[in-house]
Amino acid sequence: MDSLEVFSLIAGLVGGLAMFLYGMNVMSGGLTKAAGGKLESVLARVTGASPSSHISLELE
C-alpha cells in the first residue's frame, strides 16, 4: 500500500464523515422548523412547565 492509496483512503473517510455530519445538521434544522412549535407545546404538556422554561434551560 503506497502513500497515495493511504491518502486516498483517509481523504475518503474524512470526506464521508464530513458529509454525514453536514446531512445530520441539515436534517435536524429541518425537523426543528417542521415541529418546533408543536414540539414545545407537547413538552410543556408532558412536563407541566411553560415552553419558555425549556428555552432558558437550553441556553444555560
Protein backbone atom coordinates (compact mmCIF):
# COMPACT_ATOMS: atom_id res chain seq x y z
CA MET A 1 0.00 0.00 0.00
CA ASP A 2 1.72 3.17 -1.13
CA SER A 3 1.26 6.66 0.28
CA LEU A 4 -1.21 7.71 -2.41
CA GLU A 5 -3.57 4.85 -1.52
CA VAL A 6 -3.34 5.71 2.18
CA PHE A 7 -4.06 9.39 1.45
CA SER A 8 -7.00 8.43 -0.76
CA LEU A 9 -8.41 6.16 1.95
CA ILE A 10 -8.06 8.80 4.68
CA ALA A 11 -9.47 11.56 2.45
CA GLY A 12 -12.46 9.37 1.60
CA LEU A 13 -13.13 8.58 5.25
CA VAL A 14 -12.84 12.22 6.35
CA GLY A 15 -14.94 13.42 3.43
CA GLY A 16 -17.63 10.84 4.10
CA LEU A 17 -17.74 11.73 7.77
CA ALA A 18 -17.98 15.43 6.92
CA MET A 19 -20.88 14.81 4.52
CA PHE A 20 -22.65 12.66 7.11
CA LEU A 21 -22.32 15.32 9.82
CA TYR A 22 -23.48 18.05 7.43
CA GLY A 23 -26.52 15.97 6.49
CA MET A 24 -27.37 15.38 10.14
CA ASN A 25 -27.11 19.12 10.79
CA VAL A 26 -29.40 19.97 7.86
CA MET A 27 -31.89 17.29 8.87
CA SER A 28 -32.04 18.44 12.49
CA GLY A 29 -32.60 22.02 11.32
CA GLY A 30 -35.45 20.90 9.10
CA LEU A 31 -37.04 18.86 11.88
CA THR A 32 -36.77 21.81 14.23
CA LYS A 33 -38.52 24.07 11.72
CA ALA A 34 -41.19 21.49 10.95
CA ALA A 35 -42.07 20.53 14.52
CA GLY A 36 -40.74 23.47 16.54
CA GLY A 37 -43.94 24.97 17.95
CA LYS A 38 -45.80 21.69 18.26
CA LEU A 39 -42.86 20.02 19.97
CA GLU A 40 -42.65 22.85 22.51
CA SER A 41 -46.35 22.55 23.33
CA VAL A 42 -46.08 18.76 23.73
CA LEU A 43 -43.09 19.16 26.04
CA ALA A 44 -44.95 21.77 28.08
CA ARG A 45 -47.97 19.48 28.43
CA VAL A 46 -45.90 16.44 29.39
CA THR A 47 -43.65 18.19 31.88
CA GLY A 48 -46.18 20.72 33.17
CA ALA A 49 -43.79 23.62 32.53
CA SER A 50 -44.05 26.56 30.19
CA PRO A 51 -42.10 26.45 26.91
CA SER A 52 -40.06 29.49 27.97
CA SER A 53 -38.60 27.50 30.87
CA HIS A 54 -37.37 24.86 28.39
CA ILE A 55 -35.71 27.51 26.29
CA SER A 56 -33.96 29.04 29.30
CA LEU A 57 -32.64 25.61 30.29
CA GLU A 58 -31.21 25.07 26.81
CA LEU A 59 -29.41 28.41 26.83
CA GLU A 60 -27.55 27.72 30.08
